Amino acid sequence: MRASKDHAILLTPVLPLPNCSGRALRAWDWLLELSCDHQVHVLVAGKFDVQDIPPNYPAAGVWPVTDGIFSPNRLLRAIGLLCPPCGLFFRGLVVDWFYPQGMTNMRNLVGRLGHKSVKRVVVFRFYLHDLGQSIASLCTDTRFDLDMDDLESQTRLSVARCLARMRRPKESLRSLMASMQYALLERAIVKGYHSVWLAAKEDAQRLSYRGIPNIAVRPNRVECPQHIPERGLSQTDTARFVFVGGLDYPPNQEAVFYLLNEIQPILEQCLTRPWTFRVVGRRAPKALVSRMEASGRVEFFPDTDELAEHYTNADAILVPLWAGGGTKLKVIEAFAHRRPVIASQEGVRGLAVRSGVHYLHAQTGAEFAKAVSQLLGDLALADRVSSAGEAYYLQHHRLL
């Protein structure tokens, strides 16, 4: 008789799902891995709809834990931002931090499973650390891993600079102070895990320089598309240049403004064939929507559940990013769909790719426009770059 599997707990801020946001997809990757050797119980520290759970979900159970999370008022948050070291003593002052207060569901779950039968716990995202410590207090002989995905301190610092460039000083200052909070916490509390995982090699190296052991790289992975049609253009077809990303995120907002303000005017002069920008992303602010409508060149898709159509209809994926963290899922998805990518250095951050081989590099509006013209005028180049990007994806980022 085959012995039953040991139990594992995946603590995550979002419901793990395929074909969803970057966080949900990375959590899904963890769920698939853990379910190979364990009965996995997913603890979701955020809102979710049970109707979103697909059939044959690879988890023994899904549990909400939001009922026992401390929610500080605006005054406490302000104190935390004004004095970042205070977060070392009371994490309820830290921006976006999940601080436990009476975790009934968590205790009930561990009690039902038996503390000795929980052999592995993965805390997915740094700001769930204290919730993970609540589980640790209930378990013995359990391996605890932390998946940070990216370094919150560096990502928030990058976003602060982005907001400053977009002339949003109050938001920039808040992001800067939150960056300081997280930088202090990263030094203080990540040493107790069996392994700490990050998506980008640069972030892993930065954390290892701080004397933190057991740092490892876990690349972001996406599912392989079932069908990838060829996109052959005649000189009369409309060329589509696609940008994908959540538009409530400042770096993506900055990228779309850059498309319209810096790249579009040059393309208007150098391209004689029909062309359009396709922007795919939810929760765009009104100012950005108005700017896209005024451009006369944007096909805007604010609410789409399936990205494959947009990738397969693209002649190039444009990634003019100047801020953010980790690795960019939009680039990996473009590689997976065998589409050529034109990206800034930040756009391919954390990926071991070479310009001219896996993608075309551009840092200015003129360079983006030149790369677009090269791809449209040299289909053999577009095919080589697309093929190399797809091969890189299959080797490093395919979700198994």
Protein backbone atom coordinates (compact mmCIF):
# COMPACT_ATOMS: atom_id res chain seq x y z
CA MET A 1 0.00 0.00 0.00
CA ARG A 2 1.38 3.37 -1.04
CA ALA A 3 2.03 5.75 1.83
CA SER A 4 0.12 9.04 1.74
CA LYS A 5 2.03 12.17 0.88
CA ASP A 6 3.30 14.54 3.52
CA HIS A 7 1.65 17.94 3.77
CA ALA A 8 2.97 21.25 2.44
CA ILE A 9 1.66 24.77 2.88
CA LEU A 10 1.91 27.51 0.26
CA LEU A 11 1.31 30.93 1.81
CA THR A 12 0.54 33.45 -0.93
CA PRO A 13 -1.09 36.88 -1.35
CA VAL A 14 -3.01 35.71 -4.44
CA LEU A 15 -4.77 32.55 -5.56
CA PRO A 16 -2.27 30.54 -7.66
CA LEU A 17 -3.62 30.33 -11.22
CA PRO A 18 -2.26 29.75 -14.72
CA ASN A 19 -2.70 32.34 -17.46
CA CYS A 20 -3.11 35.13 -14.92
CA SER A 21 -1.05 37.92 -13.36
CA GLY A 22 2.66 37.52 -12.79
CA ARG A 23 2.22 36.92 -9.07
CA ALA A 24 -0.54 34.35 -9.58
CA LEU A 25 1.49 32.56 -12.24
CA ARG A 26 4.65 32.36 -10.12
CA ALA A 27 2.55 31.05 -7.22
CA TRP A 28 1.03 28.50 -9.64
CA ASP A 29 4.53 27.34 -10.55
CA TRP A 30 5.20 26.72 -6.85
CA LEU A 31 1.90 24.87 -6.45
CA LEU A 32 2.73 22.53 -9.33
CA GLU A 33 6.18 21.78 -7.90
CA LEU A 34 4.97 21.18 -4.35
CA SER A 35 2.06 18.98 -5.47
CA CYS A 36 4.47 16.46 -7.00
CA ASP A 37 5.56 15.22 -3.54
CA HIS A 38 3.06 16.74 -1.11
CA GLN A 39 -0.56 17.31 -0.36
CA VAL A 40 -0.59 21.09 -0.74
CA HIS A 41 -2.76 23.44 1.29
CA VAL A 42 -2.90 26.95 -0.11
CA LEU A 43 -3.30 29.80 2.38
CA VAL A 44 -4.39 32.96 0.57
CA ALA A 45 -3.73 36.23 2.40
CA GLY A 46 -5.92 38.20 0.03
CA LYS A 47 -9.35 38.24 -1.53
CA PHE A 48 -10.29 35.54 -4.01
CA ASP A 49 -13.41 33.96 -5.47
CA VAL A 50 -13.80 30.21 -5.03
CA GLN A 51 -15.42 30.17 -8.47
CA ASP A 52 -12.02 31.06 -9.93
CA ILE A 53 -10.58 27.72 -8.78
CA PRO A 54 -10.48 25.51 -11.91
CA PRO A 55 -11.42 21.81 -11.99
CA ASN A 56 -8.68 19.36 -10.97
CA TYR A 57 -6.92 22.06 -8.98
CA PRO A 58 -3.66 20.52 -7.67
CA ALA A 59 -4.25 21.45 -4.02
CA ALA A 60 -5.76 19.53 -1.14
CA GLY A 61 -7.47 22.71 0.04
CA VAL A 62 -7.57 26.48 -0.30
CA TRP A 63 -7.90 28.52 2.89
CA PRO A 64 -8.45 32.28 3.34
CA VAL A 65 -6.44 33.93 6.13
CA THR A 66 -7.47 37.57 5.79
CA ASP A 67 -9.66 37.52 8.90
CA GLY A 68 -6.72 37.80 11.28
CA ILE A 69 -4.54 40.38 9.53
CA PHE A 70 -3.90 43.65 11.33
CA SER A 71 -4.89 46.74 9.32
CA PRO A 72 -3.22 49.88 10.64
CA ASN A 73 -4.85 53.28 10.26
CA ARG A 74 -3.41 56.15 8.24
CA LEU A 75 -1.70 57.66 11.27
CA LEU A 76 0.29 54.49 12.00
CA ARG A 77 1.25 54.17 8.33
CA ALA A 78 2.43 57.80 8.33
CA ILE A 79 4.56 57.18 11.44
CA GLY A 80 6.12 54.16 9.74
CA LEU A 81 6.99 56.17 6.63
CA LEU A 82 8.42 59.10 8.61
CA CYS A 83 10.57 56.79 10.74
CA PRO A 84 11.45 53.65 8.70
CA PRO A 85 13.46 51.97 11.55
CA CYS A 86 10.23 51.73 13.56
CA GLY A 87 9.17 48.93 11.24
CA LEU A 88 11.90 46.75 12.73
CA PHE A 89 10.04 46.76 16.04
CA PHE A 90 6.42 46.76 14.84
CA ARG A 91 5.84 45.55 11.31
CA GLY A 92 2.30 46.85 11.35
CA LEU A 93 3.89 50.20 10.43
CA VAL A 94 5.37 48.85 7.19
CA VAL A 95 3.63 49.68 3.91
CA ASP A 96 1.75 46.71 2.41
CA TRP A 97 3.01 44.37 5.14
CA PHE A 98 0.75 41.51 6.29
CA TYR A 99 0.87 41.52 10.07
CA PRO A 100 -0.92 38.66 11.91
CA GLN A 101 -3.48 39.26 14.60
CA GLY A 102 -5.34 36.15 15.76
CA MET A 103 -4.81 33.69 12.87
CA THR A 104 -7.67 31.32 13.65
CA ASN A 105 -7.82 29.67 10.23
CA MET A 106 -4.09 29.04 10.25
CA ARG A 107 -4.16 27.40 13.67
CA ASN A 108 -7.17 25.30 12.70
CA LEU A 109 -5.42 24.09 9.55
CA VAL A 110 -2.16 23.13 11.26
CA GLY A 111 -4.15 21.49 14.05
CA ARG A 112 -6.07 19.35 11.56
CA LEU A 113 -2.94 18.35 9.65
CA GLY A 114 -0.82 17.66 12.71
CA HIS A 115 2.26 19.80 13.25
CA LYS A 116 4.67 16.95 12.49
CA SER A 117 3.09 16.09 9.15
CA VAL A 118 3.73 19.53 7.63
CA LYS A 119 7.11 18.95 6.01
CA ARG A 120 7.45 22.06 3.88
CA VAL A 121 6.18 25.63 3.92
CA VAL A 122 6.77 28.13 1.11
CA VAL A 123 6.19 31.77 2.02
CA PHE A 124 5.54 33.47 -1.30
CA ARG A 125 6.47 37.15 -1.03
CA PHE A 126 8.56 38.91 1.58
CA TYR A 127 5.70 40.91 3.09
CA LEU A 128 4.08 37.64 4.25
CA HIS A 129 7.08 36.86 6.47
CA ASP A 130 5.27 37.42 9.76
CA LEU A 131 2.37 35.22 8.68
CA GLY A 132 4.93 32.56 7.87
CA GLN A 133 6.42 32.95 11.33
CA SER A 134 2.97 32.27 12.77
CA ILE A 135 3.00 28.93 10.96
CA ALA A 136 6.56 28.26 12.14
CA SER A 137 5.43 28.64 15.74
CA LEU A 138 2.92 25.82 15.17
CA CYS A 139 5.16 23.36 13.28
CA THR A 140 8.25 21.32 14.05
CA ASP A 141 10.81 19.69 11.73
CA THR A 142 9.48 21.73 8.81
CA ARG A 143 11.47 23.21 5.94
CA PHE A 144 10.65 26.89 5.40
CA ASP A 145 11.43 28.62 2.09
CA LEU A 146 10.90 32.27 1.18
CA ASP A 147 10.24 33.32 -2.41
CA MET A 148 10.82 37.07 -2.53
CA ASP A 149 10.47 37.16 -6.35
CA ASP A 150 12.20 40.53 -6.39
CA LEU A 151 13.85 42.81 -3.84
CA GLU A 152 11.06 45.02 -2.54
CA SER A 153 13.51 47.70 -1.45
CA GLN A 154 15.08 48.05 -4.90
CA THR A 155 11.80 47.77 -6.77
CA ARG A 156 10.19 50.48 -4.64
CA LEU A 157 13.25 52.70 -5.04
CA SER A 158 13.03 52.25 -8.81
CA VAL A 159 9.32 53.07 -8.75
CA ALA A 160 10.04 56.18 -6.65
CA ARG A 161 12.39 57.44 -9.36
CA CYS A 162 9.78 56.63 -11.99
CA LEU A 163 7.12 58.63 -10.14
CA ALA A 164 9.54 61.54 -9.76
CA ARG A 165 10.12 61.54 -13.54
CA MET A 166 6.34 61.64 -14.04
CA ARG A 167 6.13 64.62 -11.67
CA ARG A 168 4.18 62.86 -8.93
CA PRO A 169 6.27 63.94 -5.92
CA LYS A 170 4.00 62.80 -3.08
CA GLU A 171 3.72 59.28 -4.44
CA SER A 172 7.44 59.26 -5.16
CA LEU A 173 8.27 60.21 -1.58
CA ARG A 174 6.00 57.49 -0.17
CA SER A 175 7.63 54.89 -2.40
CA LEU A 176 11.09 56.11 -1.39
CA MET A 177 10.33 55.83 2.33
CA ALA A 178 8.75 52.39 1.82
CA SER A 179 11.96 51.38 0.05
CA MET A 180 13.92 52.32 3.16
CA GLN A 181 11.56 50.29 5.36
CA TYR A 182 12.05 47.20 3.23
CA ALA A 183 15.81 47.66 2.94
CA LEU A 184 16.11 47.51 6.72
CA LEU A 185 13.86 44.46 6.95
CA GLU A 186 15.72 42.60 4.21
CA ARG A 187 18.89 42.87 6.23
CA ALA A 188 17.24 41.83 9.47
CA ILE A 189 14.83 38.96 8.95
CA VAL A 190 15.50 36.74 5.94
CA LYS A 191 18.35 34.68 7.39
CA GLY A 192 16.22 32.01 9.05
CA TYR A 193 14.96 30.30 5.91
CA HIS A 194 16.26 27.11 4.36
CA SER A 195 16.37 28.90 0.99
CA VAL A 196 15.52 32.39 -0.23
CA TRP A 197 14.47 32.59 -3.90
CA LEU A 198 14.59 35.51 -6.33
CA ALA A 199 13.72 35.76 -10.01
CA ALA A 200 16.73 37.81 -11.15
CA LYS A 201 20.39 36.92 -10.72
CA GLU A 202 21.22 40.57 -10.02
CA ASP A 203 18.88 40.59 -7.01
CA ALA A 204 20.29 37.31 -5.69
CA GLN A 205 23.81 38.71 -5.91
CA ARG A 206 22.79 41.92 -4.15
CA LEU A 207 21.22 39.96 -1.29
CA SER A 208 24.21 37.62 -1.00
CA TYR A 209 26.53 40.63 -0.68
CA ARG A 210 24.62 41.49 2.50
CA GLY A 211 25.80 38.28 4.14
CA ILE A 212 22.54 36.36 3.76
CA PRO A 213 23.08 32.62 3.10
CA ASN A 214 21.14 30.19 0.92
CA ILE A 215 20.20 32.62 -1.83
CA ALA A 216 18.98 30.97 -5.03
CA VAL A 217 17.55 32.01 -8.40
CA ARG A 218 14.17 30.68 -9.46
CA PRO A 219 13.30 32.02 -12.92
CA ASN A 220 9.81 33.12 -13.81
CA ARG A 221 8.15 30.53 -16.01
CA VAL A 222 5.12 30.61 -18.31
CA GLU A 223 3.12 27.91 -20.04
CA CYS A 224 4.03 27.00 -23.59
CA PRO A 225 1.42 28.26 -26.08
CA GLN A 226 -0.52 25.47 -27.76
CA HIS A 227 -0.42 27.06 -31.21
CA ILE A 228 1.85 29.78 -32.54
CA PRO A 229 0.76 31.00 -35.99
CA GLU A 230 3.23 32.63 -38.31
CA ARG A 231 2.76 36.36 -38.86
CA GLY A 232 3.78 37.19 -42.40
CA LEU A 233 3.31 40.79 -43.53
CA SER A 234 2.81 42.26 -46.95
CA GLN A 235 3.62 45.92 -47.49
CA THR A 236 -0.09 46.81 -47.34
CA ASP A 237 -0.87 45.04 -44.05
CA THR A 238 -1.18 47.04 -40.86
CA ALA A 239 1.85 46.50 -38.63
CA ARG A 240 1.03 46.12 -34.94
CA PHE A 241 3.44 47.01 -32.15
CA VAL A 242 2.22 45.65 -28.83
CA PHE A 243 2.75 46.62 -25.20
CA VAL A 244 1.33 44.43 -22.41
CA GLY A 245 1.18 45.27 -18.71
CA GLY A 246 -1.01 46.29 -15.78
CA LEU A 247 -1.59 50.03 -16.16
CA ASP A 248 -2.04 50.74 -12.47
CA TYR A 249 1.72 50.16 -12.15
CA PRO A 250 3.74 53.38 -12.61
CA PRO A 251 6.61 51.85 -14.67
CA ASN A 252 4.05 50.55 -17.20
CA GLN A 253 2.31 53.93 -17.28
CA GLU A 254 5.65 55.60 -17.96
CA ALA A 255 6.33 53.10 -20.75
CA VAL A 256 3.04 53.86 -22.54
CA PHE A 257 3.59 57.61 -22.25
CA TYR A 258 7.05 57.04 -23.73
CA LEU A 259 5.55 55.11 -26.63
CA LEU A 260 3.23 57.99 -27.43
CA ASN A 261 5.47 60.96 -26.66
CA GLU A 262 8.89 59.77 -27.83
CA ILE A 263 8.49 56.85 -30.24
CA GLN A 264 5.27 57.68 -32.10
CA PRO A 265 6.44 61.04 -33.56
CA ILE A 266 9.50 59.39 -35.10
CA LEU A 267 7.52 56.44 -36.49
CA GLU A 268 5.07 58.91 -38.06
CA GLN A 269 7.96 60.27 -40.10
CA CYS A 270 9.84 57.09 -41.00
CA LEU A 271 7.07 54.52 -41.65
CA THR A 272 5.08 54.75 -44.86
CA ARG A 273 2.98 51.62 -44.32
CA PRO A 274 -0.10 51.40 -42.04
CA TRP A 275 0.75 50.76 -38.40
CA THR A 276 -0.73 50.93 -34.93
CA PHE A 277 0.13 50.54 -31.26
CA ARG A 278 -1.82 47.90 -29.35
CA VAL A 279 -1.85 48.50 -25.59
CA VAL A 280 -3.19 45.67 -23.43
CA GLY A 281 -3.63 46.36 -19.72
CA ARG A 282 -6.15 46.86 -16.96
CA ARG A 283 -6.83 49.74 -14.57
CA ALA A 284 -5.38 52.57 -16.63
CA PRO A 285 -5.72 56.04 -15.03
CA LYS A 286 -7.92 58.57 -16.82
CA ALA A 287 -4.99 60.73 -17.89
CA LEU A 288 -3.36 57.80 -19.66
CA VAL A 289 -6.62 56.74 -21.33
CA SER A 290 -7.13 60.29 -22.60
CA ARG A 291 -3.59 60.40 -23.97
CA MET A 292 -4.06 57.09 -25.79
CA GLU A 293 -7.34 58.27 -27.30
CA ALA A 294 -5.69 61.49 -28.50
CA SER A 295 -2.81 59.68 -30.19
CA GLY A 296 -4.90 58.31 -33.05
CA ARG A 297 -2.65 55.24 -33.20
CA VAL A 298 -3.68 53.14 -30.20
CA GLU A 299 -5.86 50.05 -30.06
CA PHE A 300 -6.56 49.84 -26.34
CA PHE A 301 -7.71 46.62 -24.70
CA PRO A 302 -8.48 47.38 -21.02
CA ASP A 303 -10.08 44.08 -20.09
CA THR A 304 -8.85 40.84 -21.62
CA ASP A 305 -8.46 37.38 -20.13
CA GLU A 306 -6.49 35.87 -23.01
CA LEU A 307 -3.19 37.44 -24.06
CA ALA A 308 -2.29 34.89 -26.74
CA GLU A 309 -4.31 36.69 -29.42
CA HIS A 310 -2.49 39.95 -28.79
CA TYR A 311 0.94 38.36 -28.88
CA THR A 312 0.24 36.37 -32.03
CA ASN A 313 -1.05 39.49 -33.83
CA ALA A 314 2.08 41.45 -32.97
CA ASP A 315 4.86 42.28 -35.38
CA ALA A 316 7.01 43.45 -32.48
CA ILE A 317 6.67 43.60 -28.71
CA LEU A 318 7.87 46.99 -27.47
CA VAL A 319 9.24 47.19 -23.92
CA PRO A 320 10.41 50.76 -23.20
CA LEU A 321 10.75 50.25 -19.45
CA TRP A 322 12.93 52.35 -17.18
CA ALA A 323 11.81 51.06 -13.78
CA GLY A 324 10.57 47.97 -11.98
CA GLY A 325 12.09 44.86 -10.47
CA GLY A 326 12.66 41.16 -10.96
CA THR A 327 12.30 39.89 -14.51
CA LYS A 328 9.64 41.12 -16.90
CA LEU A 329 6.97 38.54 -17.65
CA LYS A 330 5.91 40.40 -20.81
CA VAL A 331 9.31 39.67 -22.39
CA ILE A 332 9.21 35.99 -21.44
CA GLU A 333 5.67 35.71 -22.83
CA ALA A 334 6.76 37.34 -26.07
CA PHE A 335 9.61 34.84 -26.38
CA ALA A 336 7.17 32.01 -25.71
CA HIS A 337 4.89 33.24 -28.50
CA ARG A 338 7.85 33.54 -30.88
CA ARG A 339 7.55 37.26 -31.40
CA PRO A 340 10.47 39.71 -31.77
CA VAL A 341 11.16 41.97 -28.81
CA ILE A 342 12.55 45.49 -28.80
CA ALA A 343 13.47 46.44 -25.25
CA SER A 344 15.41 48.83 -23.08
CA GLN A 345 18.04 47.48 -20.71
CA GLU A 346 15.52 47.50 -17.84
CA GLY A 347 13.10 45.55 -20.01
CA VAL A 348 15.40 42.51 -20.15
CA ARG A 349 16.72 42.87 -16.61
CA GLY A 350 17.54 39.50 -15.05
CA LEU A 351 17.51 37.64 -18.36
CA ALA A 352 20.68 36.18 -19.87
CA VAL A 353 19.90 37.45 -23.36
CA ARG A 354 21.99 39.30 -25.95
CA SER A 355 20.98 42.21 -28.13
CA GLY A 356 20.93 41.29 -31.80
CA VAL A 357 20.47 37.62 -30.92
CA HIS A 358 17.45 37.21 -28.64
CA TYR A 359 16.06 40.74 -28.90
CA LEU A 360 16.89 44.20 -30.25
CA HIS A 361 18.13 46.76 -27.76
CA ALA A 362 16.92 50.37 -27.74
CA GLN A 363 17.30 53.14 -25.16
CA THR A 364 15.95 56.20 -27.02
CA GLY A 365 12.91 56.93 -29.14
CA ALA A 366 15.11 57.07 -32.23
CA GLU A 367 16.64 53.69 -31.42
CA PHE A 368 13.21 52.11 -30.92
CA ALA A 369 12.02 53.52 -34.23
CA LYS A 370 15.17 52.29 -35.99
CA ALA A 371 14.72 48.79 -34.57
CA VAL A 372 11.07 48.75 -35.68
CA SER A 373 12.11 49.72 -39.20
CA GLN A 374 14.79 47.00 -39.21
CA LEU A 375 12.30 44.29 -38.25
CA LEU A 376 9.72 45.40 -40.81
CA GLY A 377 12.31 45.70 -43.56
CA ASP A 378 14.18 42.47 -42.84
CA LEU A 379 11.84 39.55 -42.20
CA ALA A 380 14.83 37.19 -41.97
CA LEU A 381 16.16 39.25 -39.04
CA ALA A 382 12.73 39.19 -37.37
CA ASP A 383 12.60 35.41 -37.78
CA ARG A 384 16.12 34.89 -36.36
CA VAL A 385 15.46 37.05 -33.32
CA SER A 386 12.08 35.40 -32.73
CA SER A 387 13.56 31.91 -33.02
CA ALA A 388 16.43 32.69 -30.64
CA GLY A 389 14.01 34.20 -28.11
CA GLU A 390 11.78 31.14 -28.30
CA ALA A 391 14.76 28.80 -27.84
CA TYR A 392 15.86 30.80 -24.78
CA TYR A 393 12.35 30.55 -23.34
CA LEU A 394 12.16 26.79 -23.89
CA GLN A 395 15.51 26.29 -22.15
CA HIS A 396 15.02 28.57 -19.14
CA HIS A 397 11.41 29.68 -18.64
CA ARG A 398 9.05 26.96 -19.80
CA LEU A 399 6.50 25.97 -17.19
CA LEU A 400 6.72 22.19 -16.90
